[in-house]
Amino acid sequence: MRAAIYARYSSANQRDASIEDQVRTCKAHIKHERWSLAGTYTDHAISGATTLRPGYQKLLEDARSGSFDVVLSEGLDRLSRDLEDIAGLFKQLSFAGIKIVTLAEGEISELHVGLKGTMNALYLKDLAQKTRRGLEGRVRAGRSAGGLCYGYDVVDEYDGRGERVHGGRRINPVEADIVVRIFEEFAAGMSPRAIAKRLNREGTAGPRGGTWAPSTIYGNWRRGTGVLNNEMYIGRLVWNRQTFVKDPTTGRRQARLNPSNEWVIENVPDLRIVSEDLWQAVKTRQKTARRVIAQDEGIRSERARRPAYLLSGLIKCGVCGGGFSIIREKTYGCSAAKNKGTCSNRATIKRDLLEECVLAGLKENLMEPELVKEFVSEYHRELNRLNSSAEQEVDRARRDLDKVDREMDRLVQAIKDGVKASRVVEELDALEQKKVELAAKVQQAPARAPRLHPNLAELYRKKVENLRDVLNDDDTRPEATNILRDLVDEIRIHPGGEAPKIELVGDLARILSFANENSRRNKTAGVEVTLVAGARNRLYLLLFAPNLPLVAA
């Protein structure tokens, strides 16, 4: 009899020695039965609930080729814990004339398959329930249910009996800064793809130590996945948001969203990284970017498209009210007229020309002396606020560092007073680590605030003159474009004589001070631009936010 040995252990917490023990006892049985060893098949740290195991699949392949006469294992549960899978294995091996023998049950028959398979299935269900109960208790205590979240470190903690207490976490200062930066850049208008590319260019490692991907940042807002949807960053631990179910066809797990009333939510304010204002700014932009009228429409938010160009999605046909889109290279035209022939508006306009027409009046008005003066004043005010905030952070770190020194002195004094060192060594280690982090933060603090360029007004003038270039620059475009698009409700293109007529609808009319006149001729473009003030009362007097690159190196 040619015998094949199969050995497996399921948990990464177990040891490879478990495999060695199983193989050793099986070899002893083969020697006792005077069989010959045809091969050994093993799977390390893989659950018996799945058949997608390399060793198991190789065993089936060799069985079909007749490489052995009997399969020997420590127990039936080593081969599989799934009732359907063990029945299928028994059927395939029986068809090939191969017996299944285990050290625990002996030769396997249909009776073993039915009873033992049922017991193994019940064991898996019971194990899942107990694991779930334990994890829920851990979450309700404000601890992690498993897995390491980017921005945090695992804390090794032990109870009074010396046993490890799982689920402890603390903020990782370096990763936390990256998280805040991602939130700030997204709120400022950058796309997840642009953020990921910038992080990868800088060599910043991702959550798993690899590179960043847009999906890692944006994730799925319904399931709470992705950096921008992780409520842990605002000090809220959410568990049981989704359940994983194994697909019987593929054997792979699929996530299913649980009803919100089954979620377990605990507040953990000590682990907060992102401020409430920043979180809400990101949520507001996400809702705008989804382009979903109602949440129940079923449109996946990750499929929402960003505007391809500065004015994409804002341009409408002045005749039929339909969309004006790119009908040939760099040229806008009425989609209905081109694709359906249902509109009489045959006017077309170059994208560059349209952008220049819309921005021409804005550039002229932004150079008003009062606006320049207000910009410089606002820039100084905002920069002083940011510098003050940074200095406060450093001062806070210095105070915390002094507090840590006092705590360490107290513990050292306690040891001198007779307290056993073993009782305070763990606390001393934690304080020492915190001291290193705080000292690094204080040491890395800039010596002084960045120096403003002596001719800030001239820089502002140049940026206004090159406004279109600024809006299309990779660094400044996201935020500036968002501001501009928020000022324009709609751009209507009407057929004209030699050139089309442009009707601009929105708050931009208020900024351009067209209260007493309905239209203004753009002399450089030769296109008539009519502006209709919108109903919203939101006036943006400054296009450039203070965080755009106007500070000297």
Protein backbone atom coordinates (compact mmCIF):
# COMPACT_ATOMS: atom_id res chain seq x y z
CA MET A 1 0.00 0.00 0.00
CA ARG A 2 1.39 3.36 -1.05
CA ALA A 3 0.44 5.92 1.58
CA ALA A 4 0.33 9.73 1.28
CA ILE A 5 0.51 11.77 4.47
CA TYR A 6 -1.49 15.00 4.82
CA ALA A 7 -0.74 17.40 7.73
CA ARG A 8 -2.10 20.88 8.46
CA TYR A 9 -2.41 23.48 11.18
CA SER A 10 -4.80 26.42 10.94
CA SER A 11 -3.56 29.34 13.01
CA ALA A 12 -0.52 31.56 12.64
CA ASN A 13 -0.27 31.38 16.44
CA GLN A 14 0.56 27.68 16.20
CA ARG A 15 4.00 26.34 15.42
CA ASP A 16 5.55 24.47 12.50
CA ALA A 17 6.39 21.81 15.07
CA SER A 18 2.70 20.83 14.88
CA ILE A 19 3.27 19.71 11.28
CA GLU A 20 6.39 17.78 12.29
CA ASP A 21 4.49 16.03 15.09
CA GLN A 22 1.68 14.99 12.74
CA VAL A 23 4.08 13.67 10.10
CA ARG A 24 6.12 11.78 12.71
CA THR A 25 3.11 9.93 14.15
CA CYS A 26 1.77 9.17 10.65
CA LYS A 27 5.16 7.73 9.61
CA ALA A 28 5.11 5.51 12.70
CA HIS A 29 1.67 4.21 11.65
CA ILE A 30 2.93 3.54 8.08
CA LYS A 31 5.85 1.56 9.49
CA HIS A 32 3.51 -0.40 11.75
CA GLU A 33 1.20 -1.26 8.81
CA ARG A 34 4.20 -2.04 6.56
CA TRP A 35 3.08 0.48 3.96
CA SER A 36 5.41 2.56 1.81
CA LEU A 37 5.53 6.35 1.96
CA ALA A 38 4.47 7.81 -1.40
CA GLY A 39 4.60 11.49 -0.43
CA THR A 40 3.91 14.13 2.21
CA TYR A 41 1.51 17.05 1.69
CA THR A 42 1.36 19.95 4.16
CA ASP A 43 -0.42 23.28 4.61
CA HIS A 44 0.84 25.80 7.13
CA ALA A 45 -1.43 28.30 8.93
CA ILE A 46 -4.43 27.72 6.61
CA SER A 47 -7.97 27.10 7.84
CA GLY A 48 -9.63 23.76 7.15
CA ALA A 49 -12.78 25.65 6.18
CA THR A 50 -11.40 26.26 2.69
CA THR A 51 -10.13 23.92 -0.02
CA LEU A 52 -7.90 26.63 -1.51
CA ARG A 53 -4.80 25.12 0.09
CA PRO A 54 -1.70 24.35 -1.98
CA GLY A 55 -0.93 21.06 -0.25
CA TYR A 56 -4.56 19.92 -0.38
CA GLN A 57 -4.88 20.75 -4.09
CA LYS A 58 -1.62 18.93 -4.88
CA LEU A 59 -2.96 15.90 -2.97
CA LEU A 60 -6.08 15.84 -5.18
CA GLU A 61 -4.01 16.25 -8.34
CA ASP A 62 -1.73 13.29 -7.46
CA ALA A 63 -4.74 11.22 -6.41
CA ARG A 64 -6.24 11.60 -9.90
CA SER A 65 -2.97 10.36 -11.40
CA GLY A 66 -2.93 7.29 -9.11
CA SER A 67 0.23 8.20 -7.17
CA PHE A 68 -0.90 6.47 -3.95
CA ASP A 69 -3.45 3.99 -2.55
CA VAL A 70 -4.32 5.52 0.81
CA VAL A 71 -4.41 8.99 2.39
CA LEU A 72 -3.24 9.05 6.01
CA SER A 73 -3.89 11.98 8.36
CA GLU A 74 -4.00 12.63 12.09
CA GLY A 75 -7.76 13.31 11.98
CA LEU A 76 -10.54 13.91 9.51
CA ASP A 77 -10.65 17.57 10.54
CA ARG A 78 -7.09 18.01 9.24
CA LEU A 79 -8.34 17.25 5.73
CA SER A 80 -11.37 19.55 5.98
CA ARG A 81 -13.83 21.02 8.47
CA ASP A 82 -16.50 21.75 5.86
CA LEU A 83 -19.25 19.11 5.58
CA GLU A 84 -19.67 19.55 1.83
CA ASP A 85 -15.92 19.55 1.15
CA ILE A 86 -15.21 16.38 3.15
CA ALA A 87 -18.07 14.58 1.38
CA GLY A 88 -16.70 15.69 -1.97
CA LEU A 89 -13.18 14.54 -1.05
CA PHE A 90 -14.48 11.14 0.03
CA LYS A 91 -16.41 10.79 -3.23
CA GLN A 92 -13.41 11.72 -5.41
CA LEU A 93 -10.97 9.43 -3.59
CA SER A 94 -13.46 6.54 -3.55
CA PHE A 95 -13.89 6.91 -7.31
CA ALA A 96 -10.10 6.69 -7.68
CA GLY A 97 -9.99 3.60 -5.44
CA ILE A 98 -8.14 5.43 -2.66
CA LYS A 99 -8.93 4.94 1.02
CA ILE A 100 -8.88 7.58 3.74
CA VAL A 101 -7.37 6.50 7.05
CA THR A 102 -6.92 8.71 10.12
CA LEU A 103 -5.14 8.00 13.38
CA ALA A 104 -8.17 9.19 15.35
CA GLU A 105 -11.04 7.47 13.49
CA GLY A 106 -9.37 4.61 11.55
CA GLU A 107 -10.60 3.90 8.02
CA ILE A 108 -13.18 6.48 6.97
CA SER A 109 -16.60 5.35 5.76
CA GLU A 110 -19.81 7.12 4.78
CA LEU A 111 -20.84 7.08 8.45
CA HIS A 112 -17.69 8.97 9.48
CA VAL A 113 -18.23 11.49 6.69
CA GLY A 114 -21.80 12.22 7.83
CA LEU A 115 -21.25 12.31 11.60
CA LYS A 116 -17.73 13.71 11.77
CA GLY A 117 -18.42 16.22 9.01
CA THR A 118 -21.45 17.49 10.90
CA MET A 119 -19.45 17.74 14.13
CA ASN A 120 -16.69 19.69 12.39
CA ALA A 121 -19.22 22.09 10.84
CA LEU A 122 -20.81 22.66 14.25
CA TYR A 123 -17.36 23.19 15.74
CA LEU A 124 -16.61 25.94 13.20
CA LYS A 125 -19.93 27.66 13.92
CA ASP A 126 -19.40 27.46 17.67
CA LEU A 127 -15.83 28.74 17.33
CA ALA A 128 -17.04 31.69 15.22
CA GLN A 129 -19.67 32.61 17.82
CA LYS A 130 -17.17 32.48 20.69
CA THR A 131 -14.62 34.49 18.73
CA ARG A 132 -17.25 37.08 17.88
CA ARG A 133 -18.33 37.33 21.51
CA GLY A 134 -14.76 37.90 22.64
CA LEU A 135 -14.10 40.52 19.99
CA GLU A 136 -17.27 42.42 20.85
CA GLY A 137 -16.24 42.52 24.49
CA ARG A 138 -12.85 43.87 23.50
CA VAL A 139 -14.42 46.61 21.34
CA ARG A 140 -16.85 47.66 24.08
CA ALA A 141 -13.80 48.14 26.29
CA GLY A 142 -12.45 50.60 23.71
CA ARG A 143 -9.80 48.23 22.37
CA SER A 144 -9.04 46.98 18.88
CA ALA A 145 -10.80 43.86 17.65
CA GLY A 146 -7.80 42.96 15.49
CA GLY A 147 -5.70 44.31 12.68
CA LEU A 148 -3.37 47.29 12.72
CA CYS A 149 -4.83 50.58 11.54
CA TYR A 150 -2.50 53.01 9.76
CA GLY A 151 -1.59 55.84 12.11
CA TYR A 152 -1.37 53.66 15.22
CA ASP A 153 1.05 51.25 16.89
CA VAL A 154 0.21 48.10 18.80
CA VAL A 155 0.79 48.41 22.55
CA ASP A 156 2.08 45.33 24.37
CA GLU A 157 0.16 45.15 27.66
CA TYR A 158 -0.03 42.47 30.35
CA ASP A 159 -2.41 41.92 33.21
CA GLY A 160 -1.56 41.17 36.83
CA ARG A 161 -1.01 37.49 36.05
CA GLY A 162 1.46 38.28 33.30
CA GLU A 163 -0.94 37.32 30.50
CA ARG A 164 -1.06 39.50 27.42
CA VAL A 165 -3.99 41.88 27.02
CA HIS A 166 -4.82 42.31 23.34
CA GLY A 167 -6.22 45.33 21.51
CA GLY A 168 -4.10 48.16 22.90
CA ARG A 169 -3.08 50.93 20.49
CA ARG A 170 -1.39 54.30 20.57
CA ILE A 171 -0.95 57.04 17.97
CA ASN A 172 2.09 56.82 15.72
CA PRO A 173 3.17 60.49 15.35
CA VAL A 174 4.81 60.07 11.93
CA GLU A 175 1.91 58.16 10.37
CA ALA A 176 -0.61 60.46 12.06
CA ASP A 177 0.97 63.44 10.28
CA ILE A 178 0.54 61.61 6.96
CA VAL A 179 -3.13 60.94 7.77
CA VAL A 180 -3.79 64.61 8.55
CA ARG A 181 -1.98 65.63 5.39
CA ILE A 182 -4.14 63.29 3.27
CA PHE A 183 -7.30 64.78 4.78
CA GLU A 184 -6.08 68.35 4.27
CA GLU A 185 -5.01 67.79 0.66
CA PHE A 186 -8.29 66.06 -0.23
CA ALA A 187 -10.33 68.82 1.43
CA ALA A 188 -8.27 71.36 -0.55
CA GLY A 189 -9.30 69.73 -3.83
CA MET A 190 -6.62 67.15 -4.62
CA SER A 191 -7.81 63.82 -6.00
CA PRO A 192 -6.93 60.51 -4.28
CA ARG A 193 -4.85 59.64 -7.34
CA ALA A 194 -2.83 62.85 -7.08
CA ILE A 195 -2.32 62.35 -3.34
CA ALA A 196 -1.17 58.76 -3.85
CA LYS A 197 1.27 59.79 -6.59
CA ARG A 198 2.75 62.52 -4.42
CA LEU A 199 3.22 60.19 -1.44
CA ASN A 200 4.86 57.57 -3.67
CA ARG A 201 7.19 60.17 -5.21
CA GLU A 202 8.29 61.15 -1.72
CA GLY A 203 8.94 57.51 -0.80
CA THR A 204 6.30 57.43 1.96
CA ALA A 205 5.42 53.82 2.78
CA GLY A 206 1.75 52.81 2.62
CA PRO A 207 -0.31 51.02 5.29
CA ARG A 208 1.14 47.60 4.39
CA GLY A 209 4.65 48.92 3.81
CA GLY A 210 4.19 49.12 0.04
CA THR A 211 3.08 51.94 -2.23
CA TRP A 212 -0.06 54.07 -1.99
CA ALA A 213 -3.04 53.52 -4.29
CA PRO A 214 -6.09 55.80 -4.82
CA SER A 215 -8.39 53.09 -3.43
CA THR A 216 -6.33 53.00 -0.23
CA ILE A 217 -7.14 56.67 0.30
CA TYR A 218 -10.74 56.87 -0.96
CA GLY A 219 -12.01 53.35 -0.18
CA ASN A 220 -15.76 52.81 0.04
CA TRP A 221 -17.76 55.35 2.04
CA ARG A 222 -20.64 52.95 2.70
CA ARG A 223 -18.37 50.28 4.20
CA GLY A 224 -16.13 52.75 6.02
CA THR A 225 -13.00 51.56 4.22
CA GLY A 226 -10.13 53.76 3.06
CA VAL A 227 -8.21 56.43 4.96
CA LEU A 228 -10.81 59.15 4.33
CA ASN A 229 -13.67 57.02 5.77
CA ASN A 230 -11.95 55.58 8.83
CA GLU A 231 -13.84 56.92 11.86
CA MET A 232 -11.01 55.83 14.15
CA TYR A 233 -9.26 59.03 13.09
CA ILE A 234 -11.97 61.08 14.84
CA GLY A 235 -11.87 58.91 17.96
CA ARG A 236 -14.79 56.60 17.09
CA LEU A 237 -14.28 52.84 17.01
CA VAL A 238 -16.84 51.11 14.75
CA TRP A 239 -17.08 47.31 14.71
CA ASN A 240 -19.40 44.82 12.98
CA ARG A 241 -20.03 47.17 10.09
CA GLN A 242 -19.82 44.23 7.69
CA THR A 243 -19.91 40.42 7.68
CA PHE A 244 -17.80 38.10 5.56
CA VAL A 245 -19.52 35.13 3.91
CA LYS A 246 -17.76 32.42 1.92
CA ASP A 247 -18.90 31.98 -1.66
CA PRO A 248 -19.58 28.22 -2.07
CA THR A 249 -18.60 28.39 -5.74
CA THR A 250 -15.23 30.13 -5.48
CA GLY A 251 -14.47 29.46 -1.81
CA ARG A 252 -13.57 33.13 -1.35
CA ARG A 253 -15.00 35.45 1.27
CA GLN A 254 -17.33 38.27 0.28
CA ALA A 255 -18.16 41.29 2.44
CA ARG A 256 -21.79 42.14 3.18
CA LEU A 257 -22.85 45.36 4.88
CA ASN A 258 -24.69 44.86 8.18
CA PRO A 259 -27.67 47.03 9.23
CA SER A 260 -26.47 50.11 11.10
CA ASN A 261 -28.41 49.08 14.24
CA GLU A 262 -26.08 46.06 14.57
CA TRP A 263 -22.90 48.14 14.54
CA VAL A 264 -20.93 48.43 17.78
CA ILE A 265 -19.63 51.98 18.26
CA GLU A 266 -17.35 53.16 21.07
CA ASN A 267 -15.74 56.57 21.55
CA VAL A 268 -11.96 56.54 21.99
CA PRO A 269 -11.06 60.26 22.16
CA ASP A 270 -7.44 59.53 23.12
CA LEU A 271 -6.90 58.03 19.67
CA ARG A 272 -8.26 60.99 17.71
CA ILE A 273 -5.98 62.27 14.91
CA VAL A 274 -8.23 64.40 12.65
CA SER A 275 -10.13 67.47 13.88
CA GLU A 276 -13.90 67.64 13.53
CA ASP A 277 -13.75 70.61 11.13
CA LEU A 278 -11.34 68.80 8.81
CA TRP A 279 -13.40 65.60 8.93
CA GLN A 280 -16.59 67.48 8.02
CA ALA A 281 -14.81 69.31 5.19
CA VAL A 282 -13.79 65.95 3.69
CA LYS A 283 -17.30 64.51 4.10
CA THR A 284 -18.79 67.56 2.37
CA ARG A 285 -16.44 67.22 -0.59
CA GLN A 286 -17.11 63.48 -0.84
CA LYS A 287 -20.85 64.09 -1.05
CA THR A 288 -20.32 66.65 -3.79
CA ALA A 289 -17.96 64.41 -5.77
CA ARG A 290 -20.23 61.38 -5.76
CA ARG A 291 -22.76 62.91 -8.15
CA VAL A 292 -25.44 60.76 -6.57
CA ILE A 293 -28.93 62.26 -6.19
CA ALA A 294 -29.98 59.77 -3.53
CA GLN A 295 -27.96 57.32 -1.50
CA ASP A 296 -30.13 54.41 -2.59
CA GLU A 297 -29.47 54.82 -6.30
CA GLY A 298 -26.79 52.17 -6.00
CA ILE A 299 -24.04 54.14 -7.75
CA ARG A 300 -20.66 53.27 -6.34
CA SER A 301 -18.92 56.40 -5.06
CA GLU A 302 -15.52 55.22 -6.28
CA ARG A 303 -16.87 55.43 -9.84
CA ALA A 304 -17.70 59.12 -9.51
CA ARG A 305 -15.60 61.05 -12.02
CA ARG A 306 -13.62 64.21 -11.38
CA PRO A 307 -13.97 67.06 -13.90
CA ALA A 308 -11.53 66.50 -16.76
CA TYR A 309 -11.06 70.23 -17.41
CA LEU A 310 -11.51 73.50 -15.57
CA LEU A 311 -15.12 74.06 -16.73
CA SER A 312 -16.22 70.44 -17.35
CA GLY A 313 -19.83 69.78 -16.41
CA LEU A 314 -20.72 73.48 -16.18
CA ILE A 315 -21.25 74.19 -19.88
CA LYS A 316 -24.82 74.00 -21.22
CA CYS A 317 -26.43 74.64 -24.57
CA GLY A 318 -28.28 77.97 -24.60
CA VAL A 319 -30.88 76.56 -27.04
CA CYS A 320 -31.85 73.09 -25.78
CA GLY A 321 -30.39 73.22 -22.27
CA GLY A 322 -28.40 70.02 -22.88
CA GLY A 323 -24.74 69.48 -22.22
CA PHE A 324 -21.88 71.05 -24.12
CA SER A 325 -19.04 68.53 -24.35
CA ILE A 326 -15.83 67.91 -26.27
CA ILE A 327 -16.99 66.99 -29.78
CA ARG A 328 -13.52 67.05 -31.31
CA GLU A 329 -10.04 67.81 -30.07
CA LYS A 330 -10.12 70.77 -27.63
CA THR A 331 -13.46 72.02 -29.00
CA TYR A 332 -16.82 72.18 -27.18
CA GLY A 333 -20.13 71.71 -28.96
CA CYS A 334 -23.75 70.79 -28.21
CA SER A 335 -23.98 67.03 -27.59
CA ALA A 336 -27.61 66.85 -28.75
CA ALA A 337 -26.80 68.64 -32.00
CA LYS A 338 -23.88 66.35 -32.77
CA ASN A 339 -25.17 62.99 -31.53
CA LYS A 340 -28.94 63.26 -32.05
CA GLY A 341 -29.47 66.14 -34.44
CA THR A 342 -32.31 67.38 -32.21
CA CYS A 343 -30.81 70.84 -31.54
CA SER A 344 -30.19 73.73 -33.94
CA ASN A 345 -27.21 75.12 -31.99
CA ARG A 346 -24.20 74.45 -34.21
CA ALA A 347 -21.93 76.89 -32.39
CA THR A 348 -18.56 75.57 -31.24
CA ILE A 349 -15.83 77.12 -29.14
CA LYS A 350 -12.27 76.15 -28.32
CA ARG A 351 -11.67 75.06 -24.74
CA ASP A 352 -8.72 77.45 -24.31
CA LEU A 353 -10.77 80.37 -25.63
CA LEU A 354 -13.73 79.60 -23.38
CA GLU A 355 -11.55 79.41 -20.27
CA GLU A 356 -9.84 82.68 -21.18
CA CYS A 357 -13.22 84.42 -21.73
CA VAL A 358 -14.54 83.31 -18.35
CA LEU A 359 -11.38 84.32 -16.53
CA ALA A 360 -10.70 87.62 -18.32
CA GLY A 361 -13.05 89.74 -16.22
CA LEU A 362 -11.96 87.99 -13.05
CA LYS A 363 -8.30 88.79 -13.73
CA GLU A 364 -9.11 92.45 -14.37
CA ASN A 365 -11.14 92.87 -11.19
CA LEU A 366 -8.69 91.00 -8.98
CA MET A 367 -6.11 93.70 -9.71
CA GLU A 368 -8.22 96.40 -8.02
CA PRO A 369 -5.99 98.06 -5.35
CA GLU A 370 -8.48 97.30 -2.57
CA LEU A 371 -8.49 93.60 -3.44
CA VAL A 372 -4.67 93.47 -3.55
CA LYS A 373 -4.51 95.18 -0.17
CA GLU A 374 -7.07 92.80 1.29
CA PHE A 375 -5.21 89.78 -0.10
CA VAL A 376 -1.91 90.81 1.48
CA SER A 377 -3.65 91.52 4.79
CA GLU A 378 -5.48 88.20 4.76
CA TYR A 379 -2.32 86.34 3.79
CA HIS A 380 -0.39 87.80 6.73
CA ARG A 381 -3.28 87.09 9.09
CA GLU A 382 -3.57 83.45 8.03
CA LEU A 383 0.19 82.85 8.09
CA ASN A 384 0.43 84.30 11.59
CA ARG A 385 -2.38 82.01 12.68
CA LEU A 386 -0.63 78.94 11.25
CA ASN A 387 2.69 79.94 12.82
CA SER A 388 0.99 80.51 16.15
CA SER A 389 -0.66 77.09 15.96
CA ALA A 390 2.66 75.41 15.20
CA GLU A 391 4.36 77.20 18.06
CA GLN A 392 1.58 76.13 20.42
CA GLU A 393 2.12 72.51 19.37
CA VAL A 394 5.82 72.78 20.19
CA ASP A 395 5.06 74.42 23.54
CA ARG A 396 2.62 71.64 24.33
CA ALA A 397 5.27 69.05 23.47
CA ARG A 398 7.76 70.78 25.79
CA ARG A 399 5.23 70.76 28.65
CA ASP A 400 4.48 67.08 28.03
CA LEU A 401 8.21 66.35 28.00
CA ASP A 402 8.61 68.01 31.42
CA LYS A 403 5.66 65.99 32.69
CA VAL A 404 7.22 62.74 31.46
CA ASP A 405 10.49 63.62 33.22
CA ARG A 406 8.61 64.18 36.47
CA GLU A 407 6.75 60.89 36.09
CA MET A 408 10.00 59.01 35.48
CA ASP A 409 11.60 60.66 38.52
CA ARG A 410 8.58 59.59 40.57
CA LEU A 411 8.92 55.96 39.46
CA VAL A 412 12.66 55.92 40.13
CA GLN A 413 12.00 57.32 43.60
CA ALA A 414 9.39 54.60 44.15
CA ILE A 415 12.00 51.95 43.39
CA LYS A 416 14.37 53.60 45.87
CA ASP A 417 11.57 53.55 48.45
CA GLY A 418 11.26 49.78 48.17
CA VAL A 419 8.74 49.18 45.38
CA LYS A 420 9.77 46.18 43.27
CA ALA A 421 11.31 47.25 39.99
CA SER A 422 9.36 44.56 38.12
CA ARG A 423 6.12 46.35 38.94
CA VAL A 424 7.15 49.66 37.36
CA VAL A 425 9.58 48.65 34.62
CA GLU A 426 6.82 48.44 32.00
CA GLU A 427 5.57 51.91 32.87
CA LEU A 428 9.13 53.23 32.74
CA ASP A 429 9.63 51.72 29.28
CA ALA A 430 6.43 53.37 28.02
CA LEU A 431 7.48 56.74 29.44
CA GLU A 432 10.94 56.39 27.93
CA GLN A 433 9.40 55.75 24.49
CA LYS A 434 7.10 58.75 24.90
CA LYS A 435 10.06 60.89 25.96
CA VAL A 436 11.99 59.95 22.82
CA GLU A 437 9.00 60.88 20.62
CA LEU A 438 8.42 64.22 22.35
CA ALA A 439 12.12 65.11 22.32
CA ALA A 440 12.25 64.42 18.58
CA LYS A 441 9.19 66.60 18.03
CA VAL A 442 10.75 69.49 19.98
CA GLN A 443 14.09 69.09 18.24
CA GLN A 444 12.54 69.05 14.77
CA ALA A 445 10.53 72.21 15.40
CA PRO A 446 11.53 75.07 13.05
CA ALA A 447 13.65 77.76 14.67
CA ARG A 448 11.58 80.59 13.25
CA ALA A 449 8.60 81.25 11.05
CA PRO A 450 9.22 81.27 7.26
CA ARG A 451 10.19 84.67 5.83
CA LEU A 452 7.67 86.34 3.57
CA HIS A 453 8.78 87.45 0.15
CA PRO A 454 9.51 91.20 0.32
CA ASN A 455 7.38 91.86 -2.76
CA LEU A 456 4.27 89.84 -2.03
CA ALA A 457 1.98 92.22 -3.93
CA GLU A 458 4.09 91.80 -7.09
CA LEU A 459 3.90 88.01 -6.79
CA TYR A 460 0.14 88.31 -6.45
CA ARG A 461 -0.02 90.47 -9.59
CA LYS A 462 1.97 87.90 -11.60
CA LYS A 463 -0.25 85.06 -10.45
CA VAL A 464 -3.38 86.98 -11.41
CA GLU A 465 -1.94 87.72 -14.85
CA ASN A 466 -1.18 84.02 -15.29
CA LEU A 467 -4.45 82.94 -13.69
CA ARG A 468 -5.20 80.26 -16.26
CA ASP A 469 -1.76 78.70 -15.77
CA VAL A 470 -2.27 78.73 -11.99
CA LEU A 471 -5.62 76.97 -12.35
CA ASN A 472 -4.04 74.26 -14.49
CA ASP A 473 -0.90 73.80 -12.37
CA ASP A 474 -0.78 70.43 -10.59
CA ASP A 475 0.06 72.00 -7.22
CA THR A 476 -2.46 74.86 -7.15
CA ARG A 477 -5.21 73.63 -9.47
CA PRO A 478 -7.32 71.47 -7.09
CA GLU A 479 -8.10 74.15 -4.51
CA ALA A 480 -8.28 77.11 -6.87
CA THR A 481 -10.44 75.19 -9.33
CA ASN A 482 -12.89 74.19 -6.60
CA ILE A 483 -13.25 77.83 -5.57
CA LEU A 484 -13.82 78.99 -9.14
CA ARG A 485 -16.31 76.22 -9.95
CA ASP A 486 -18.23 77.08 -6.80
CA LEU A 487 -18.72 80.58 -8.15
CA VAL A 488 -20.16 79.41 -11.48
CA ASP A 489 -23.54 77.67 -11.60
CA GLU A 490 -23.73 77.34 -15.37
CA ILE A 491 -22.12 78.52 -18.60
CA ARG A 492 -24.61 78.77 -21.47
CA ILE A 493 -23.38 78.87 -25.05
CA HIS A 494 -25.72 80.63 -27.50
CA PRO A 495 -25.26 80.77 -31.26
CA GLY A 496 -24.06 84.18 -32.51
CA GLY A 497 -22.69 85.74 -35.65
CA GLU A 498 -19.00 85.08 -36.18
CA ALA A 499 -18.53 83.92 -32.59
CA PRO A 500 -20.84 82.28 -30.03
CA LYS A 501 -22.31 84.22 -27.12
CA ILE A 502 -21.45 83.11 -23.58
CA GLU A 503 -23.86 83.54 -20.69
CA LEU A 504 -22.24 83.11 -17.28
CA VAL A 505 -24.64 82.29 -14.43
CA GLY A 506 -23.62 82.39 -10.76
CA ASP A 507 -21.98 84.36 -7.98
CA LEU A 508 -19.03 85.29 -10.18
CA ALA A 509 -21.21 88.12 -11.52
CA ARG A 510 -21.32 89.68 -8.07
CA ILE A 511 -17.55 89.60 -7.73
CA LEU A 512 -17.10 91.17 -11.13
CA SER A 513 -19.41 94.03 -10.07
CA PHE A 514 -21.85 93.73 -12.95
CA ALA A 515 -24.77 94.97 -10.86
CA ASN A 516 -25.45 97.96 -13.11
CA GLU A 517 -24.72 96.45 -16.51
CA ASN A 518 -25.76 93.24 -18.20
CA SER A 519 -22.80 92.54 -20.43
CA ARG A 520 -19.17 93.38 -21.14
CA ARG A 521 -17.19 92.88 -24.34
CA ASN A 522 -14.04 90.77 -24.07
CA LYS A 523 -11.88 92.65 -26.58
CA THR A 524 -9.06 90.13 -26.72
CA ALA A 525 -11.28 87.15 -27.41
CA GLY A 526 -13.95 88.92 -29.48
CA VAL A 527 -16.66 87.02 -27.64
CA GLU A 528 -19.62 88.60 -25.86
CA VAL A 529 -19.93 87.44 -22.23
CA THR A 530 -23.21 88.06 -20.39
CA LEU A 531 -23.31 87.53 -16.63
CA VAL A 532 -26.39 86.68 -14.57
CA ALA A 533 -25.99 86.89 -10.80
CA GLY A 534 -26.98 83.76 -8.92
CA ALA A 535 -29.34 83.61 -5.97
CA ARG A 536 -26.70 82.42 -3.50
CA ASN A 537 -25.10 84.99 -1.23
CA ARG A 538 -21.55 83.61 -1.22
CA LEU A 539 -18.92 86.12 -2.31
CA TYR A 540 -15.31 85.03 -2.71
CA LEU A 541 -13.16 88.17 -2.75
CA LEU A 542 -9.93 86.19 -2.87
CA LEU A 543 -9.23 83.38 -5.28
CA PHE A 544 -5.86 82.51 -3.81
CA ALA A 545 -5.85 80.85 -0.39
CA PRO A 546 -2.86 81.64 1.87
CA ASN A 547 -1.57 78.08 1.65
CA LEU A 548 -0.75 78.43 -2.05
CA PRO A 549 3.00 78.73 -2.76
CA LEU A 550 3.64 82.44 -2.28
CA VAL A 551 6.22 82.08 0.50
CA ALA A 552 9.90 82.52 -0.27
CA ALA A 553 12.13 79.49 0.20
